[in-house]
Amino acid sequence: MRRKFSTCLILFSLGHCAIFADFVPTSPLTLAQAQQLALRNNADLRIAQSQADAALAQLRVVREYPNPVAGYSVSKINTDSRSNATVIGGGYWSKSYDSIFSLSQFIELGKRGVRRASAEAGARSAEALRDDSRRLLLQAVDQLYLAAVEAREEERVLTESATSLHREAGIAATRYHAGDIAASEQAQIEIAAAQLELSAASARANARGALVALEKLLGLTEPRGETILVDLLSPAAIPPIISTAAVGSRPDIVAAEASLTKSEADLTLQRHGAIPDLTVSLQYEHQPPDQPNTVGLAVSFPLPIWNRNTGNILAAQAARSEAQAQLDKVRTQVSAEIATARLAFDEAHTRADTYEHDLQPKSAAIIKSVTYAYDKGGAALVELLATERNDNDIRLATARAQADAATAAFALASALNRIEPIADRNNTR
């Protein structure tokens, strides 16, 4: 038993490891790999898939016919001393027992096709909601990945600036001992370097927080923010938006339309609920000696006298009105989301291009010139610190602008229903 238990434990461990065999939290992770892991392991997407499977199962249920009901009964069995034997004989089949064999079938009138239409619409709605969950998941993974990369870039910029100021502090110490500057100037440089180090630590914490949120989407059981990201924050990270035309209907609109169709079918079904359904029965009766073999036919149905299904009809009408309002709301939200995403994309793309090709090169040239002048005694400390501060602001703004441009591009692609895994996008080019 111990050997069997050990074997099962090993197999379970191997199976559990196989789920994440291609990803270890500390191994390098590209954006394409993050998307694939999220699509495979994300709990919300798997729940949406299960709900779609349940809707398809319900569709199969309504397509099946109700089973017939078979029955057998025996009556007129004497309980006193008299015998049920007849002139035919004393066997079971010859006695005067009243044996009845029946077969009944329930028949719906005007409801089966409507119920099937409702189930089909429900399946379409569930599948569309699953597709919409996939769309939103890809957008969230892309944006969290970029947020972590942008925070890491901020940390790098601030760390480099702090290192540069520490180097300047060393030069300032030499100039102080030579009598060129006062001790306060050296202290100011050291304070500025320490502030940059604190800002870098804050950016490092922000990056780890974004990694924890990303690992949660990837389906890790213990997100710790230890994932190593490979892709860099650059113009190449911005997905190309070749066309701003939407690709088909958004899944959330399709789901709302299917929900409206389902509510209309449900309303029709409730209106048909007042139509009585039939139960048809066929029976064979055996009662010797006078009626050894007879057959019978019966039809039964409820009389719609007290209950006309009015309450269910009113509830279905309210559900139909709600579904129509929800569809109108979703269409308005989608139009507003597309318009907002287009404006954000145009602004962020222009801002990122300006920072990268205009402002950052000028700032780099200025800081280089002022640093050289300060080292040679040709620039004041105030000018050096102001220039260093401005250069940090420009470099941080460049990183944020690039992240905003990439995030806005993914948001626009999602709004236009054009978002897809990077690997699939590369294959379609």
Protein backbone atom coordinates (compact mmCIF):
# COMPACT_ATOMS: atom_id res chain seq x y z
CA MET A 1 0.00 0.00 0.00
CA ARG A 2 2.87 2.37 0.78
CA ARG A 3 4.41 1.70 -2.64
CA LYS A 4 1.06 2.36 -4.35
CA PHE A 5 0.60 5.57 -2.41
CA SER A 6 4.12 6.75 -3.30
CA THR A 7 3.53 5.95 -6.96
CA CYS A 8 0.25 7.92 -7.01
CA LEU A 9 1.93 10.85 -5.27
CA ILE A 10 4.73 10.92 -7.83
CA LEU A 11 2.29 10.74 -10.75
CA PHE A 12 0.23 13.55 -9.26
CA SER A 13 3.33 15.70 -8.81
CA LEU A 14 4.41 15.05 -12.40
CA GLY A 15 0.93 15.94 -13.66
CA HIS A 16 0.88 19.14 -11.63
CA CYS A 17 4.31 20.13 -12.87
CA ALA A 18 3.31 19.45 -16.46
CA ILE A 19 0.77 22.26 -16.28
CA PHE A 20 3.52 24.83 -15.74
CA ALA A 21 6.36 22.87 -17.35
CA ASP A 22 7.05 25.66 -19.83
CA PHE A 23 7.08 28.45 -17.24
CA VAL A 24 8.85 28.94 -13.96
CA PRO A 25 8.15 32.23 -12.11
CA THR A 26 11.82 33.24 -12.27
CA SER A 27 12.34 32.24 -15.90
CA PRO A 28 12.28 34.88 -18.66
CA LEU A 29 8.80 35.56 -19.98
CA THR A 30 7.87 37.29 -23.23
CA LEU A 31 4.58 39.02 -23.85
CA ALA A 32 3.55 36.30 -26.31
CA GLN A 33 4.26 33.61 -23.68
CA ALA A 34 2.28 35.57 -21.08
CA GLN A 35 -0.71 35.70 -23.43
CA GLN A 36 -0.60 31.97 -24.11
CA LEU A 37 -0.26 31.13 -20.41
CA ALA A 38 -3.22 33.35 -19.56
CA LEU A 39 -5.37 31.80 -22.27
CA ARG A 40 -4.55 28.33 -20.98
CA ASN A 41 -4.60 28.83 -17.20
CA ASN A 42 -6.74 31.86 -16.34
CA ALA A 43 -9.57 30.83 -14.01
CA ASP A 44 -12.10 33.39 -15.27
CA LEU A 45 -11.66 32.24 -18.86
CA ARG A 46 -12.00 28.60 -17.83
CA ILE A 47 -15.20 29.45 -15.93
CA ALA A 48 -16.57 31.20 -19.03
CA GLN A 49 -15.72 28.12 -21.11
CA SER A 50 -17.51 25.88 -18.60
CA GLN A 51 -20.58 28.11 -18.77
CA ALA A 52 -20.52 27.86 -22.58
CA ASP A 53 -20.26 24.07 -22.32
CA ALA A 54 -23.21 24.04 -19.91
CA ALA A 55 -25.27 26.12 -22.35
CA LEU A 56 -24.46 23.69 -25.17
CA ALA A 57 -25.46 20.80 -22.90
CA GLN A 58 -28.76 22.54 -22.19
CA LEU A 59 -29.30 22.87 -25.93
CA ARG A 60 -28.87 19.14 -26.28
CA VAL A 61 -31.36 18.61 -23.45
CA VAL A 62 -34.13 20.57 -25.16
CA ARG A 63 -33.52 18.75 -28.44
CA GLU A 64 -34.29 15.40 -26.82
CA TYR A 65 -37.84 14.05 -26.72
CA PRO A 66 -39.47 13.07 -23.42
CA ASN A 67 -39.38 9.35 -22.76
CA PRO A 68 -42.60 7.32 -22.93
CA VAL A 69 -43.96 5.89 -19.70
CA ALA A 70 -44.68 2.17 -19.50
CA GLY A 71 -46.97 0.76 -16.85
CA TYR A 72 -48.29 -2.60 -15.65
CA SER A 73 -51.00 -3.19 -13.08
CA VAL A 74 -52.93 -6.19 -11.77
CA SER A 75 -56.28 -5.89 -10.00
CA LYS A 76 -59.34 -7.93 -8.99
CA ILE A 77 -57.32 -10.39 -6.97
CA ASN A 78 -59.57 -12.24 -4.51
CA THR A 79 -58.52 -11.83 -0.89
CA ASP A 80 -60.99 -14.33 0.56
CA SER A 81 -61.10 -18.08 0.16
CA ARG A 82 -62.52 -17.95 -3.34
CA SER A 83 -60.24 -18.79 -6.24
CA ASN A 84 -59.62 -16.68 -9.34
CA ALA A 85 -59.44 -19.79 -11.50
CA THR A 86 -61.65 -19.82 -14.59
CA VAL A 87 -62.89 -22.40 -17.07
CA ILE A 88 -59.78 -21.67 -19.09
CA GLY A 89 -57.52 -22.90 -16.37
CA GLY A 90 -55.89 -22.16 -13.03
CA GLY A 91 -52.62 -20.72 -14.29
CA TYR A 92 -51.64 -17.10 -13.74
CA TRP A 93 -52.58 -16.00 -17.22
CA SER A 94 -55.86 -17.98 -17.10
CA LYS A 95 -57.12 -16.59 -13.80
CA SER A 96 -59.62 -13.76 -13.71
CA TYR A 97 -57.02 -11.19 -12.80
CA ASP A 98 -57.43 -7.80 -14.51
CA SER A 99 -53.97 -7.22 -16.01
CA ILE A 100 -53.35 -3.89 -17.73
CA PHE A 101 -50.29 -2.97 -19.79
CA SER A 102 -50.09 0.75 -20.70
CA LEU A 103 -47.79 3.01 -22.70
CA SER A 104 -48.11 6.80 -22.36
CA GLN A 105 -46.39 9.59 -24.29
CA PHE A 106 -46.32 13.28 -23.33
CA ILE A 107 -46.78 15.60 -26.35
CA GLU A 108 -46.06 19.33 -26.22
CA LEU A 109 -48.13 21.61 -28.42
CA GLY A 110 -46.45 24.73 -29.81
CA LYS A 111 -43.58 24.82 -27.30
CA ARG A 112 -40.83 22.50 -28.42
CA GLY A 113 -39.51 24.64 -31.28
CA VAL A 114 -39.67 27.81 -29.18
CA ARG A 115 -37.79 26.15 -26.31
CA ARG A 116 -35.11 24.99 -28.74
CA ALA A 117 -34.78 28.54 -30.15
CA SER A 118 -34.35 29.88 -26.60
CA ALA A 119 -31.63 27.32 -25.83
CA GLU A 120 -29.82 28.09 -29.08
CA ALA A 121 -29.82 31.79 -28.26
CA GLY A 122 -28.58 31.01 -24.75
CA ALA A 123 -25.71 28.96 -26.19
CA ARG A 124 -24.77 31.82 -28.55
CA SER A 125 -24.82 34.25 -25.65
CA ALA A 126 -22.61 32.02 -23.48
CA GLU A 127 -20.11 31.50 -26.29
CA ALA A 128 -20.01 35.24 -26.99
CA LEU A 129 -19.43 35.98 -23.31
CA ARG A 130 -16.56 33.48 -23.36
CA ASP A 131 -15.06 35.26 -26.39
CA ASP A 132 -15.49 38.60 -24.64
CA SER A 133 -13.70 37.24 -21.56
CA ARG A 134 -10.86 36.18 -23.86
CA ARG A 135 -10.74 39.66 -25.41
CA LEU A 136 -10.63 41.40 -22.04
CA LEU A 137 -8.08 38.91 -20.71
CA LEU A 138 -5.68 39.59 -23.58
CA GLN A 139 -6.07 43.33 -23.07
CA ALA A 140 -5.44 43.03 -19.32
CA VAL A 141 -2.35 40.84 -19.82
CA ASP A 142 -0.91 43.26 -22.37
CA GLN A 143 -1.50 46.30 -20.19
CA LEU A 144 -0.17 44.73 -16.98
CA TYR A 145 2.91 43.47 -18.81
CA LEU A 146 3.55 46.96 -20.15
CA ALA A 147 2.92 48.52 -16.72
CA ALA A 148 5.55 46.25 -15.19
CA VAL A 149 8.02 46.99 -17.97
CA GLU A 150 7.39 50.74 -17.66
CA ALA A 151 7.94 50.64 -13.88
CA ARG A 152 11.14 48.68 -14.43
CA GLU A 153 12.27 51.30 -16.96
CA GLU A 154 11.56 54.06 -14.43
CA GLU A 155 13.67 52.18 -11.89
CA ARG A 156 16.51 51.92 -14.40
CA VAL A 157 16.41 55.64 -15.23
CA LEU A 158 16.32 56.70 -11.59
CA THR A 159 19.10 54.28 -10.65
CA GLU A 160 21.31 55.55 -13.46
CA SER A 161 20.65 59.14 -12.39
CA ALA A 162 21.48 58.31 -8.77
CA THR A 163 24.71 56.62 -9.87
CA SER A 164 25.58 59.67 -11.96
CA LEU A 165 24.99 62.00 -9.01
CA HIS A 166 27.09 59.79 -6.73
CA ARG A 167 29.86 60.13 -9.28
CA GLU A 168 29.39 63.89 -9.28
CA ALA A 169 29.46 63.80 -5.48
CA GLY A 170 32.89 62.19 -5.69
CA ILE A 171 34.09 64.91 -8.03
CA ALA A 172 32.54 67.52 -5.74
CA ALA A 173 34.45 66.04 -2.78
CA THR A 174 37.71 66.48 -4.71
CA ARG A 175 36.82 70.07 -5.55
CA TYR A 176 35.83 70.70 -1.93
CA HIS A 177 39.21 69.54 -0.63
CA ALA A 178 40.82 71.76 -3.27
CA GLY A 179 38.79 74.71 -1.96
CA ASP A 180 36.75 75.24 -5.14
CA ILE A 181 33.30 74.61 -3.63
CA ALA A 182 31.66 74.64 -0.24
CA ALA A 183 30.67 71.55 1.75
CA SER A 184 26.99 72.39 1.26
CA GLU A 185 27.26 71.82 -2.50
CA GLN A 186 28.61 68.33 -1.99
CA ALA A 187 25.83 67.63 0.54
CA GLN A 188 23.16 68.82 -1.89
CA ILE A 189 24.40 66.41 -4.54
CA GLU A 190 24.40 63.54 -2.07
CA ILE A 191 20.85 64.41 -0.94
CA ALA A 192 19.64 64.51 -4.56
CA ALA A 193 21.26 61.10 -5.21
CA ALA A 194 19.60 59.63 -2.11
CA GLN A 195 16.19 60.96 -3.24
CA LEU A 196 16.63 59.31 -6.63
CA GLU A 197 17.49 56.03 -4.95
CA LEU A 198 14.29 56.23 -2.90
CA SER A 199 12.30 56.97 -6.05
CA ALA A 200 13.95 53.99 -7.75
CA ALA A 201 12.92 51.76 -4.82
CA SER A 202 9.33 53.01 -5.17
CA ALA A 203 9.38 52.22 -8.90
CA ARG A 204 10.75 48.76 -8.08
CA ALA A 205 7.83 48.16 -5.71
CA ASN A 206 5.35 49.33 -8.38
CA ALA A 207 6.90 46.96 -10.90
CA ARG A 208 6.59 44.05 -8.48
CA GLY A 209 2.97 44.92 -7.77
CA ALA A 210 2.22 44.88 -11.51
CA LEU A 211 3.99 41.52 -11.77
CA VAL A 212 1.84 40.09 -8.97
CA ALA A 213 -1.30 41.17 -10.82
CA LEU A 214 0.08 39.72 -14.05
CA GLU A 215 0.96 36.39 -12.42
CA LYS A 216 -2.58 36.22 -11.04
CA LEU A 217 -3.96 36.47 -14.58
CA LEU A 218 -1.51 33.79 -15.71
CA GLY A 219 -3.04 31.35 -13.24
CA LEU A 220 -0.12 31.00 -10.80
CA THR A 221 -1.27 29.61 -7.47
CA GLU A 222 1.21 31.76 -5.50
CA PRO A 223 1.88 35.09 -7.25
CA ARG A 224 5.02 36.68 -5.81
CA GLY A 225 6.10 39.21 -8.41
CA GLU A 226 9.29 37.32 -9.27
CA THR A 227 8.70 36.88 -13.00
CA ILE A 228 11.47 38.13 -15.27
CA LEU A 229 10.12 40.05 -18.26
CA VAL A 230 11.99 39.87 -21.55
CA ASP A 231 10.31 42.37 -23.87
CA LEU A 232 11.52 45.95 -23.64
CA LEU A 233 9.59 49.19 -23.72
CA SER A 234 10.19 50.45 -27.25
CA PRO A 235 8.22 51.51 -30.33
CA ALA A 236 8.30 47.85 -31.38
CA ALA A 237 6.07 47.08 -28.40
CA ILE A 238 3.27 49.15 -29.91
CA PRO A 239 0.97 46.87 -31.94
CA PRO A 240 0.32 48.22 -35.44
CA ILE A 241 -3.17 49.61 -35.98
CA ILE A 242 -3.38 49.36 -39.75
CA SER A 243 -7.11 49.98 -39.89
CA THR A 244 -9.43 51.60 -37.38
CA ALA A 245 -12.41 49.66 -38.68
CA ALA A 246 -14.00 47.17 -36.32
CA VAL A 247 -13.71 43.48 -37.16
CA GLY A 248 -17.26 42.13 -37.03
CA SER A 249 -19.46 42.68 -33.99
CA ARG A 250 -17.87 42.81 -30.57
CA PRO A 251 -18.54 39.68 -28.48
CA ASP A 252 -20.34 41.72 -25.81
CA ILE A 253 -22.75 43.06 -28.46
CA VAL A 254 -23.27 39.55 -29.83
CA ALA A 255 -23.99 38.30 -26.30
CA ALA A 256 -26.50 41.10 -25.68
CA GLU A 257 -28.22 40.43 -29.01
CA ALA A 258 -28.42 36.71 -28.24
CA SER A 259 -29.83 37.49 -24.78
CA LEU A 260 -32.54 39.61 -26.41
CA THR A 261 -33.36 36.78 -28.83
CA LYS A 262 -33.53 34.36 -25.92
CA SER A 263 -35.85 36.66 -23.95
CA GLU A 264 -38.15 36.97 -26.96
CA ALA A 265 -38.25 33.18 -27.33
CA ASP A 266 -38.95 32.82 -23.60
CA LEU A 267 -41.83 35.29 -23.91
CA THR A 268 -43.29 33.30 -26.78
CA LEU A 269 -42.86 30.12 -24.76
CA GLN A 270 -44.74 31.57 -21.79
CA ARG A 271 -47.54 32.76 -24.06
CA HIS A 272 -47.82 29.23 -25.42
CA GLY A 273 -47.92 27.96 -21.84
CA ALA A 274 -51.67 28.46 -21.77
CA ILE A 275 -52.04 25.87 -24.54
CA PRO A 276 -52.74 22.49 -22.89
CA ASP A 277 -50.25 19.70 -23.57
CA LEU A 278 -51.49 16.21 -24.30
CA THR A 279 -50.72 12.85 -22.77
CA VAL A 280 -51.67 10.02 -25.09
CA SER A 281 -51.97 6.52 -23.60
CA LEU A 282 -52.39 3.12 -25.23
CA GLN A 283 -53.29 0.14 -23.08
CA TYR A 284 -53.78 -3.59 -23.39
CA GLU A 285 -56.06 -5.31 -20.86
CA HIS A 286 -56.28 -9.02 -20.10
CA GLN A 287 -59.22 -10.24 -17.92
CA PRO A 288 -60.43 -13.77 -18.63
CA PRO A 289 -62.79 -15.35 -19.19
CA ASP A 290 -65.22 -12.71 -20.45
CA GLN A 291 -62.69 -10.11 -21.66
CA PRO A 292 -59.51 -12.04 -22.27
CA ASN A 293 -57.89 -9.44 -24.54
CA THR A 294 -58.95 -5.80 -25.03
CA VAL A 295 -57.21 -2.59 -25.98
CA GLY A 296 -57.89 1.03 -25.05
CA LEU A 297 -56.83 4.52 -26.01
CA ALA A 298 -56.81 7.55 -23.70
CA VAL A 299 -56.02 11.24 -24.11
CA SER A 300 -55.64 13.60 -21.15
CA PHE A 301 -54.85 17.31 -20.86
CA PRO A 302 -55.17 20.03 -18.20
CA LEU A 303 -58.07 22.45 -18.43
CA PRO A 304 -56.83 26.06 -18.52
CA ILE A 305 -59.53 27.41 -16.25
CA TRP A 306 -57.86 28.83 -13.13
CA ASN A 307 -54.30 29.32 -14.35
CA ARG A 308 -53.70 31.10 -17.68
CA ASN A 309 -49.94 31.53 -17.06
CA THR A 310 -50.41 35.30 -16.77
CA GLY A 311 -47.74 35.83 -14.13
CA ASN A 312 -45.03 34.07 -16.12
CA ILE A 313 -46.01 36.04 -19.23
CA LEU A 314 -45.65 39.36 -17.40
CA ALA A 315 -42.27 38.28 -15.98
CA ALA A 316 -41.08 37.29 -19.47
CA GLN A 317 -42.21 40.66 -20.86
CA ALA A 318 -40.19 42.46 -18.18
CA ALA A 319 -37.14 40.30 -18.94
CA ARG A 320 -37.50 41.08 -22.63
CA SER A 321 -37.64 44.85 -21.94
CA GLU A 322 -34.56 44.54 -19.72
CA ALA A 323 -32.66 42.65 -22.43
CA GLN A 324 -33.53 45.35 -24.99
CA ALA A 325 -32.33 48.09 -22.64
CA GLN A 326 -29.14 46.14 -21.94
CA LEU A 327 -28.46 45.79 -25.67
CA ASP A 328 -28.94 49.53 -26.20
CA LYS A 329 -26.62 50.23 -23.27
CA VAL A 330 -23.89 47.90 -24.57
CA ARG A 331 -24.05 49.42 -28.07
CA THR A 332 -23.69 52.92 -26.64
CA GLN A 333 -20.80 51.84 -24.41
CA VAL A 334 -19.00 50.20 -27.30
CA SER A 335 -19.33 53.30 -29.49
CA ALA A 336 -18.05 55.51 -26.68
CA GLU A 337 -15.21 53.11 -25.90
CA ILE A 338 -14.06 53.05 -29.53
CA ALA A 339 -14.16 56.86 -29.79
CA THR A 340 -12.28 57.29 -26.51
CA ALA A 341 -9.69 54.66 -27.46
CA ARG A 342 -9.05 56.36 -30.81
CA LEU A 343 -8.49 59.75 -29.17
CA ALA A 344 -6.20 58.24 -26.53
CA PHE A 345 -4.22 56.33 -29.15
CA ASP A 346 -3.67 59.38 -31.36
CA GLU A 347 -2.58 61.53 -28.41
CA ALA A 348 -0.30 58.91 -26.85
CA HIS A 349 1.30 58.00 -30.16
CA THR A 350 2.09 61.66 -30.93
CA ARG A 351 3.41 62.26 -27.41
CA ALA A 352 5.66 59.18 -27.47
CA ASP A 353 7.06 60.14 -30.89
CA THR A 354 7.80 63.70 -29.71
CA TYR A 355 9.55 62.60 -26.54
CA GLU A 356 11.61 59.91 -28.25
CA HIS A 357 12.78 61.82 -31.34
CA ASP A 358 12.81 65.42 -30.12
CA LEU A 359 12.83 66.09 -26.39
CA GLN A 360 14.96 63.20 -25.10
CA PRO A 361 17.90 63.74 -27.55
CA LYS A 362 17.97 67.47 -26.69
CA SER A 363 17.87 66.75 -22.95
CA ALA A 364 20.67 64.19 -23.27
CA ALA A 365 22.86 66.73 -25.07
CA ILE A 366 22.14 69.41 -22.45
CA ILE A 367 22.93 67.19 -19.46
CA LYS A 368 26.14 66.06 -21.08
CA SER A 369 27.22 69.66 -21.67
CA VAL A 370 26.30 70.92 -18.19
CA THR A 371 27.94 67.94 -16.46
CA TYR A 372 31.16 68.54 -18.37
CA ALA A 373 31.05 72.23 -17.51
CA TYR A 374 30.45 71.54 -13.81
CA ASP A 375 33.33 69.06 -13.66
CA LYS A 376 35.60 71.79 -15.12
CA GLY A 377 34.22 74.47 -12.82
CA GLY A 378 32.29 76.26 -15.54
CA ALA A 379 28.78 75.62 -14.17
CA ALA A 380 27.13 76.14 -10.81
CA LEU A 381 25.69 73.38 -8.66
CA VAL A 382 22.18 74.78 -8.99
CA GLU A 383 22.42 74.56 -12.77
CA LEU A 384 23.70 70.96 -12.59
CA LEU A 385 20.92 69.81 -10.25
CA ALA A 386 18.24 71.57 -12.27
CA THR A 387 19.53 70.04 -15.48
CA GLU A 388 19.76 66.59 -13.90
CA ARG A 389 16.21 66.95 -12.58
CA ASN A 390 14.88 68.04 -15.96
CA ASP A 391 16.67 65.18 -17.73
CA ASN A 392 15.16 62.68 -15.28
CA ASP A 393 11.72 64.12 -15.91
CA ILE A 394 12.20 63.87 -19.68
CA ARG A 395 13.46 60.29 -19.58
CA LEU A 396 10.68 59.20 -17.22
CA ALA A 397 8.10 60.99 -19.36
CA THR A 398 9.51 59.22 -22.43
CA ALA A 399 9.13 55.82 -20.79
CA ARG A 400 5.60 56.65 -19.66
CA ALA A 401 4.67 58.00 -23.09
CA GLN A 402 5.90 54.81 -24.77
CA ALA A 403 3.97 52.70 -22.27
CA ASP A 404 0.87 54.85 -22.74
CA ALA A 405 1.15 54.54 -26.53
CA ALA A 406 1.42 50.76 -26.36
CA THR A 407 -1.38 50.52 -23.80
CA ALA A 408 -3.61 52.78 -25.89
CA ALA A 409 -2.87 50.69 -28.98
CA PHE A 410 -3.91 47.50 -27.20
CA ALA A 411 -7.02 49.24 -25.85
CA LEU A 412 -7.97 50.44 -29.34
CA ALA A 413 -7.35 46.98 -30.81
CA SER A 414 -9.56 45.49 -28.10
CA ALA A 415 -12.29 48.08 -28.65
CA LEU A 416 -12.25 47.33 -32.38
CA ASN A 417 -12.28 43.57 -31.71
CA ARG A 418 -8.89 43.28 -33.41
CA ILE A 419 -6.87 42.10 -30.41
CA GLU A 420 -5.30 38.67 -30.69
CA PRO A 421 -2.28 36.77 -29.35
CA ILE A 422 1.01 38.08 -30.71
CA ALA A 423 1.99 34.71 -32.16
CA ASP A 424 -1.28 34.51 -34.12
CA ARG A 425 -0.85 38.10 -35.31
CA ASN A 426 2.64 37.35 -36.57
CA ASN A 427 1.39 34.31 -38.47
CA THR A 428 -1.22 36.39 -40.31
CA ARG A 429 1.22 38.93 -41.65
